[in-house]
PDB file of N, CA and C in Angstrom:
ATOM      1  N   MET A   1      40.893  -0.640  24.718  1.00  0.00           N
ATOM      2  CA  MET A   1      40.575  -1.773  23.875  1.00  0.00           C
ATOM      3  C   MET A   1      39.699  -1.311  22.721  1.00  0.00           C
ATOM      4  N   GLU A   2      40.053  -1.722  21.531  1.00  0.00           N
ATOM      5  CA  GLU A   2      39.311  -1.293  20.353  1.00  0.00           C
ATOM      6  C   GLU A   2      38.078  -2.158  20.140  1.00  0.00           C
ATOM      7  N   ASN A   3      37.039  -1.529  19.614  1.00  0.00           N
ATOM      8  CA  ASN A   3      35.838  -2.286  19.253  1.00  0.00           C
ATOM      9  C   ASN A   3      36.079  -2.968  17.921  1.00  0.00           C
ATOM     10  N   ILE A   4      35.796  -4.235  17.858  1.00  0.00           N
ATOM     11  CA  ILE A   4      35.971  -4.985  16.621  1.00  0.00           C
ATOM     12  C   ILE A   4      34.587  -5.280  16.064  1.00  0.00           C
ATOM     13  N   LEU A   5      34.330  -4.774  14.872  1.00  0.00           N
ATOM     14  CA  LEU A   5      33.051  -5.013  14.207  1.00  0.00           C
ATOM     15  C   LEU A   5      33.273  -5.963  13.043  1.00  0.00           C
ATOM     16  N   LEU A   6      32.410  -6.946  12.916  1.00  0.00           N
ATOM     17  CA  LEU A   6      32.584  -7.938  11.858  1.00  0.00           C
ATOM     18  C   LEU A   6      32.343  -7.358  10.464  1.00  0.00           C
ATOM     19  N   PHE A   7      31.346  -6.522  10.334  1.00  0.00           N
ATOM     20  CA  PHE A   7      30.982  -6.016   9.014  1.00  0.00           C
ATOM     21  C   PHE A   7      31.204  -4.514   8.933  1.00  0.00           C
ATOM     22  N   ASN A   8      32.354  -4.070   9.317  1.00  0.00           N
ATOM     23  CA  ASN A   8      32.680  -2.653   9.298  1.00  0.00           C
ATOM     24  C   ASN A   8      33.497  -2.353   8.045  1.00  0.00           C
ATOM     25  N   PHE A   9      32.814  -2.272   6.897  1.00  0.00           N
ATOM     26  CA  PHE A   9      33.514  -1.937   5.673  1.00  0.00           C
ATOM     27  C   PHE A   9      32.701  -0.917   4.890  1.00  0.00           C
ATOM     28  N   PHE A  10      33.392   0.111   4.429  1.00  0.00           N
ATOM     29  CA  PHE A  10      32.780   1.186   3.660  1.00  0.00           C
ATOM     30  C   PHE A  10      33.769   1.618   2.593  1.00  0.00           C
ATOM     31  N   GLY A  11      33.302   2.404   1.669  1.00  0.00           N
ATOM     32  CA  GLY A  11      34.181   2.947   0.638  1.00  0.00           C
ATOM     33  C   GLY A  11      34.657   1.889  -0.327  1.00  0.00           C
ATOM     34  N   PRO A  12      35.980   1.752  -0.491  1.00  0.00           N
ATOM     35  CA  PRO A  12      36.527   0.827  -1.497  1.00  0.00           C
ATOM     36  C   PRO A  12      36.098  -0.625  -1.270  1.00  0.00           C
ATOM     37  N   GLU A  13      36.031  -1.025  -0.007  1.00  0.00           N
ATOM     38  CA  GLU A  13      35.637  -2.410   0.265  1.00  0.00           C
ATOM     39  C   GLU A  13      34.212  -2.683  -0.205  1.00  0.00           C
ATOM     40  N   MET A  14      33.318  -1.709   0.019  1.00  0.00           N
ATOM     41  CA  MET A  14      31.929  -1.864  -0.407  1.00  0.00           C
ATOM     42  C   MET A  14      31.838  -1.948  -1.928  1.00  0.00           C
ATOM     43  N   LEU A  15      32.644  -1.163  -2.626  1.00  0.00           N
ATOM     44  CA  LEU A  15      32.644  -1.214  -4.089  1.00  0.00           C
ATOM     45  C   LEU A  15      33.104  -2.572  -4.592  1.00  0.00           C
ATOM     46  N   VAL A  16      34.099  -3.143  -3.955  1.00  0.00           N
ATOM     47  CA  VAL A  16      34.583  -4.468  -4.352  1.00  0.00           C
ATOM     48  C   VAL A  16      33.496  -5.510  -4.131  1.00  0.00           C
ATOM     49  N   VAL A  17      32.800  -5.440  -3.008  1.00  0.00           N
ATOM     50  CA  VAL A  17      31.728  -6.394  -2.709  1.00  0.00           C
ATOM     51  C   VAL A  17      30.599  -6.249  -3.727  1.00  0.00           C
ATOM     52  N   LEU A  18      30.189  -5.022  -4.022  1.00  0.00           N
ATOM     53  CA  LEU A  18      29.128  -4.798  -5.006  1.00  0.00           C
ATOM     54  C   LEU A  18      29.537  -5.298  -6.384  1.00  0.00           C
ATOM     55  N   PHE A  19      30.778  -5.058  -6.763  1.00  0.00           N
ATOM     56  CA  PHE A  19      31.280  -5.531  -8.054  1.00  0.00           C
ATOM     57  C   PHE A  19      31.258  -7.059  -8.111  1.00  0.00           C
ATOM     58  N   ALA A  20      31.654  -7.709  -7.007  1.00  0.00           N
ATOM     59  CA  ALA A  20      31.639  -9.176  -6.967  1.00  0.00           C
ATOM     60  C   ALA A  20      30.215  -9.712  -7.075  1.00  0.00           C
ATOM     61  N   ILE A  21      29.252  -9.041  -6.435  1.00  0.00           N
ATOM     62  CA  ILE A  21      27.852  -9.469  -6.518  1.00  0.00           C
ATOM     63  C   ILE A  21      27.346  -9.360  -7.950  1.00  0.00           C
ATOM     64  N   ILE A  22      27.679  -8.266  -8.615  1.00  0.00           N
ATOM     65  CA  ILE A  22      27.246  -8.085 -10.012  1.00  0.00           C
ATOM     66  C   ILE A  22      27.867  -9.145 -10.899  1.00  0.00           C
ATOM     67  N   LEU A  23      29.135  -9.465 -10.673  1.00  0.00           N
ATOM     68  CA  LEU A  23      29.785 -10.505 -11.469  1.00  0.00           C
ATOM     69  C   LEU A  23      29.165 -11.876 -11.229  1.00  0.00           C
ATOM     70  N   LEU A  24      28.865 -12.190  -9.974  1.00  0.00           N
ATOM     71  CA  LEU A  24      28.334 -13.516  -9.651  1.00  0.00           C
ATOM     72  C   LEU A  24      26.901 -13.704 -10.121  1.00  0.00           C
ATOM     73  N   PHE A  25      26.044 -12.704  -9.910  1.00  0.00           N
ATOM     74  CA  PHE A  25      24.623 -12.879 -10.173  1.00  0.00           C
ATOM     75  C   PHE A  25      24.162 -12.223 -11.452  1.00  0.00           C
ATOM     76  N   GLY A  26      24.895 -11.296 -11.971  1.00  0.00           N
ATOM     77  CA  GLY A  26      24.479 -10.594 -13.181  1.00  0.00           C
ATOM     78  C   GLY A  26      23.447  -9.530 -12.848  1.00  0.00           C
ATOM     79  N   GLY A  27      23.348  -8.533 -13.701  1.00  0.00           N
ATOM     80  CA  GLY A  27      22.454  -7.412 -13.464  1.00  0.00           C
ATOM     81  C   GLY A  27      20.986  -7.792 -13.437  1.00  0.00           C
ATOM     82  N   LYS A  28      20.605  -8.827 -14.171  1.00  0.00           N
ATOM     83  CA  LYS A  28      19.189  -9.215 -14.249  1.00  0.00           C
ATOM     84  C   LYS A  28      18.733 -10.006 -13.031  1.00  0.00           C
ATOM     85  N   LYS A  29      19.636 -10.682 -12.373  1.00  0.00           N
ATOM     86  CA  LYS A  29      19.270 -11.519 -11.223  1.00  0.00           C
ATOM     87  C   LYS A  29      19.252 -10.752  -9.902  1.00  0.00           C
ATOM     88  N   ILE A  30      19.881  -9.595  -9.862  1.00  0.00           N
ATOM     89  CA  ILE A  30      19.987  -8.846  -8.597  1.00  0.00           C
ATOM     90  C   ILE A  30      18.618  -8.449  -8.048  1.00  0.00           C
ATOM     91  N   PRO A  31      17.671  -7.915  -8.865  1.00  0.00           N
ATOM     92  CA  PRO A  31      16.354  -7.588  -8.290  1.00  0.00           C
ATOM     93  C   PRO A  31      15.652  -8.813  -7.699  1.00  0.00           C
ATOM     94  N   GLU A  32      15.776  -9.954  -8.375  1.00  0.00           N
ATOM     95  CA  GLU A  32      15.173 -11.187  -7.865  1.00  0.00           C
ATOM     96  C   GLU A  32      15.836 -11.599  -6.550  1.00  0.00           C
ATOM     97  N   LEU A  33      17.142 -11.456  -6.476  1.00  0.00           N
ATOM     98  CA  LEU A  33      17.875 -11.773  -5.259  1.00  0.00           C
ATOM     99  C   LEU A  33      17.433 -10.858  -4.118  1.00  0.00           C
ATOM    100  N   MET A  34      17.292  -9.584  -4.386  1.00  0.00           N
ATOM    101  CA  MET A  34      16.883  -8.625  -3.349  1.00  0.00           C
ATOM    102  C   MET A  34      15.450  -8.897  -2.881  1.00  0.00           C
ATOM    103  N   ARG A  35      14.570  -9.275  -3.808  1.00  0.00           N
ATOM    104  CA  ARG A  35      13.197  -9.632  -3.418  1.00  0.00           C
ATOM    105  C   ARG A  35      13.210 -10.837  -2.484  1.00  0.00           C
ATOM    106  N   GLY A  36      14.034 -11.816  -2.792  1.00  0.00           N
ATOM    107  CA  GLY A  36      14.148 -12.998  -1.941  1.00  0.00           C
ATOM    108  C   GLY A  36      14.667 -12.651  -0.562  1.00  0.00           C
ATOM    109  N   ILE A  37      15.663 -11.785  -0.519  1.00  0.00           N
ATOM    110  CA  ILE A  37      16.215 -11.359   0.773  1.00  0.00           C
ATOM    111  C   ILE A  37      15.158 -10.598   1.564  1.00  0.00           C
ATOM    112  N   GLY A  38      14.430  -9.691   0.889  1.00  0.00           N
ATOM    113  CA  GLY A  38      13.374  -8.927   1.560  1.00  0.00           C
ATOM    114  C   GLY A  38      12.282  -9.827   2.105  1.00  0.00           C
ATOM    115  N   LYS A  39      11.898 -10.834   1.312  1.00  0.00           N
ATOM    116  CA  LYS A  39      10.868 -11.775   1.758  1.00  0.00           C
ATOM    117  C   LYS A  39      11.351 -12.560   2.981  1.00  0.00           C
ATOM    118  N   GLY A  40      12.597 -12.971   2.958  1.00  0.00           N
ATOM    119  CA  GLY A  40      13.158 -13.702   4.098  1.00  0.00           C
ATOM    120  C   GLY A  40      13.186 -12.847   5.358  1.00  0.00           C
ATOM    121  N   ILE A  41      13.547 -11.581   5.206  1.00  0.00           N
ATOM    122  CA  ILE A  41      13.589 -10.674   6.365  1.00  0.00           C
ATOM    123  C   ILE A  41      12.181 -10.463   6.913  1.00  0.00           C
ATOM    124  N   ARG A  42      11.193 -10.287   6.016  1.00  0.00           N
ATOM    125  CA  ARG A  42       9.805 -10.111   6.481  1.00  0.00           C
ATOM    126  C   ARG A  42       9.318 -11.345   7.224  1.00  0.00           C
ATOM    127  N   GLU A  43       9.609 -12.529   6.698  1.00  0.00           N
ATOM    128  CA  GLU A  43       9.187 -13.758   7.364  1.00  0.00           C
ATOM    129  C   GLU A  43       9.866 -13.910   8.725  1.00  0.00           C
ATOM    130  N   PHE A  44      11.138 -13.556   8.785  1.00  0.00           N
ATOM    131  CA  PHE A  44      11.860 -13.627  10.057  1.00  0.00           C
ATOM    132  C   PHE A  44      11.241 -12.681  11.076  1.00  0.00           C
ATOM    133  N   ASN A  45      10.955 -11.451  10.665  1.00  0.00           N
ATOM    134  CA  ASN A  45      10.365 -10.473  11.585  1.00  0.00           C
ATOM    135  C   ASN A  45       8.972 -10.905  12.034  1.00  0.00           C
ATOM    136  N   ALA A  46       8.196 -11.506  11.132  1.00  0.00           N
ATOM    137  CA  ALA A  46       6.860 -11.979  11.504  1.00  0.00           C
ATOM    138  C   ALA A  46       6.972 -13.107  12.536  1.00  0.00           C
ATOM    139  N   ALA A  47       7.888 -14.032  12.311  1.00  0.00           N
ATOM    140  CA  ALA A  47       8.069 -15.131  13.252  1.00  0.00           C
ATOM    141  C   ALA A  47       8.572 -14.613  14.598  1.00  0.00           C
ATOM    142  N   ARG A  48       9.458 -13.639  14.563  1.00  0.00           N
ATOM    143  CA  ARG A  48       9.984 -13.066  15.804  1.00  0.00           C
ATOM    144  C   ARG A  48       8.881 -12.379  16.604  1.00  0.00           C
ATOM    145  N   SER A  49       8.039 -11.594  15.914  1.00  0.00           N
ATOM    146  CA  SER A  49       6.971 -10.896  16.637  1.00  0.00           C
ATOM    147  C   SER A  49       5.935 -11.880  17.175  1.00  0.00           C
ATOM    148  N   THR A  50       5.668 -12.947  16.443  1.00  0.00           N
ATOM    149  CA  THR A  50       4.751 -13.977  16.923  1.00  0.00           C
ATOM    150  C   THR A  50       5.318 -14.638  18.176  1.00  0.00           C
ATOM    151  N   LEU A  51       6.590 -14.955  18.148  1.00  0.00           N
ATOM    152  CA  LEU A  51       7.234 -15.579  19.297  1.00  0.00           C
ATOM    153  C   LEU A  51       7.228 -14.637  20.497  1.00  0.00           C
ATOM    154  N   GLU A  52       7.519 -13.354  20.267  1.00  0.00           N
ATOM    155  CA  GLU A  52       7.490 -12.379  21.357  1.00  0.00           C
ATOM    156  C   GLU A  52       6.098 -12.296  21.970  1.00  0.00           C
ATOM    157  N   GLN A  53       5.063 -12.276  21.120  1.00  0.00           N
ATOM    158  CA  GLN A  53       3.692 -12.175  21.619  1.00  0.00           C
ATOM    159  C   GLN A  53       3.315 -13.408  22.427  1.00  0.00           C
ATOM    160  N   GLU A  54       3.697 -14.594  21.948  1.00  0.00           N
ATOM    161  CA  GLU A  54       3.409 -15.817  22.686  1.00  0.00           C
ATOM    162  C   GLU A  54       4.126 -15.826  24.031  1.00  0.00           C
ATOM    163  N   PHE A  55       5.351 -15.333  24.056  1.00  0.00           N
ATOM    164  CA  PHE A  55       6.106 -15.263  25.307  1.00  0.00           C
ATOM    165  C   PHE A  55       5.427 -14.313  26.291  1.00  0.00           C
ATOM    166  N   LYS A  56       5.012 -13.149  25.805  1.00  0.00           N
ATOM    167  CA  LYS A  56       4.334 -12.184  26.672  1.00  0.00           C
ATOM    168  C   LYS A  56       3.016 -12.749  27.198  1.00  0.00           C
ATOM    169  N   ASP A  57       2.257 -13.430  26.324  1.00  0.00           N
ATOM    170  CA  ASP A  57       1.002 -14.038  26.750  1.00  0.00           C
ATOM    171  C   ASP A  57       1.247 -15.105  27.814  1.00  0.00           C
ATOM    172  N   GLY A  58       2.295 -15.897  27.637  1.00  0.00           N
ATOM    173  CA  GLY A  58       2.633 -16.927  28.616  1.00  0.00           C
ATOM    174  C   GLY A  58       3.022 -16.323  29.956  1.00  0.00           C
ATOM    175  N   MET A  59       3.757 -15.229  29.912  1.00  0.00           N
ATOM    176  CA  MET A  59       4.151 -14.553  31.156  1.00  0.00           C
ATOM    177  C   MET A  59       2.924 -13.988  31.873  1.00  0.00           C
ATOM    178  N   ARG A  60       1.995 -13.397  31.125  1.00  0.00           N
ATOM    179  CA  ARG A  60       0.768 -12.870  31.737  1.00  0.00           C
ATOM    180  C   ARG A  60      -0.040 -13.992  32.377  1.00  0.00           C
ATOM    181  N   GLU A  61      -0.125 -15.110  31.667  1.00  0.00           N
ATOM    182  CA  GLU A  61      -0.871 -16.255  32.185  1.00  0.00           C
ATOM    183  C   GLU A  61      -0.238 -16.770  33.483  1.00  0.00           C
ATOM    184  N   ALA A  62       1.079 -16.854  33.503  1.00  0.00           N
ATOM    185  CA  ALA A  62       1.783 -17.326  34.706  1.00  0.00           C
ATOM    186  C   ALA A  62       1.570 -16.361  35.868  1.00  0.00           C
ATOM    187  N   GLU A  63       1.585 -15.057  35.585  1.00  0.00           N
ATOM    188  CA  GLU A  63       1.348 -14.069  36.644  1.00  0.00           C
ATOM    189  C   GLU A  63      -0.072 -14.182  37.184  1.00  0.00           C
ATOM    190  N   LYS A  64      -1.054 -14.402  36.285  1.00  0.00           N
ATOM    191  CA  LYS A  64      -2.441 -14.556  36.732  1.00  0.00           C
ATOM    192  C   LYS A  64      -2.584 -15.773  37.625  1.00  0.00           C
ATOM    193  N   LYS A  65      -1.956 -16.888  37.250  1.00  0.00           N
ATOM    194  CA  LYS A  65      -2.015 -18.095  38.065  1.00  0.00           C
ATOM    195  C   LYS A  65      -1.384 -17.861  39.426  1.00  0.00           C
ATOM    196  N   GLN A  66      -0.278 -17.153  39.432  1.00  0.00           N
ATOM    197  CA  GLN A  66       0.403 -16.871  40.693  1.00  0.00           C
ATOM    198  C   GLN A  66      -0.469 -16.005  41.604  1.00  0.00           C
ATOM    199  N   ILE A  67      -1.121 -15.010  41.037  1.00  0.00           N
ATOM    200  CA  ILE A  67      -2.014 -14.141  41.820  1.00  0.00           C
ATOM    201  C   ILE A  67      -3.193 -14.944  42.350  1.00  0.00           C
ATOM    202  N   GLU A  68      -3.780 -15.814  41.490  1.00  0.00           N
ATOM    203  CA  GLU A  68      -4.913 -16.635  41.919  1.00  0.00           C
ATOM    204  C   GLU A  68      -4.501 -17.576  43.053  1.00  0.00           C
ATOM    205  N   GLU A  69      -3.308 -18.156  42.960  1.00  0.00           N
ATOM    206  CA  GLU A  69      -2.830 -19.057  44.013  1.00  0.00           C
ATOM    207  C   GLU A  69      -2.644 -18.306  45.328  1.00  0.00           C
ATOM    208  N   LYS A  70      -2.134 -17.091  45.266  1.00  0.00           N
ATOM    209  CA  LYS A  70      -1.965 -16.303  46.487  1.00  0.00           C
ATOM    210  C   LYS A  70      -3.318 -15.975  47.105  1.00  0.00           C
ATOM    211  N   GLU A  71      -4.298 -15.628  46.271  1.00  0.00           N
ATOM    212  CA  GLU A  71      -5.639 -15.318  46.770  1.00  0.00           C
ATOM    213  C   GLU A  71      -6.285 -16.551  47.371  1.00  0.00           C
ATOM    214  N   ASN A  72      -6.091 -17.704  46.748  1.00  0.00           N
ATOM    215  CA  ASN A  72      -6.662 -18.940  47.272  1.00  0.00           C
ATOM    216  C   ASN A  72      -6.012 -19.344  48.594  1.00  0.00           C
ATOM    217  N   ASN A  73      -4.728 -19.084  48.724  1.00  0.00           N
ATOM    218  CA  ASN A  73      -4.028 -19.409  49.974  1.00  0.00           C
ATOM    219  C   ASN A  73      -4.463 -18.511  51.118  1.00  0.00           C
ATOM    220  N   LYS A  74      -4.848 -17.272  50.808  1.00  0.00           N
ATOM    221  CA  LYS A  74      -5.298 -16.362  51.843  1.00  0.00           C
ATOM    222  C   LYS A  74      -6.687 -16.747  52.380  1.00  0.00           C
ATOM    223  N   ALA A  75      -7.486 -17.335  51.496  1.00  0.00           N
ATOM    224  CA  ALA A  75      -8.856 -17.681  51.896  1.00  0.00           C
ATOM    225  C   ALA A  75      -8.921 -18.933  52.748  1.00  0.00           C
TER     226      ALA A  75
END
């Protein structure tokens, strides 16, 4: 069975895509577009890391409660 990749294009296909981007946005708008994309990626990564940290903190808290409950049950 072959692996199907959604964005598996290189060479001529990439040139066509780049040419279409230049036609649609113009040479002057591309840096602004790339800055916007970069800012969006940074914000996404920041939100993802915040969510991961909150999840890890919640898991630690749940483990501490579980340990405390076991200790209280033993006493």
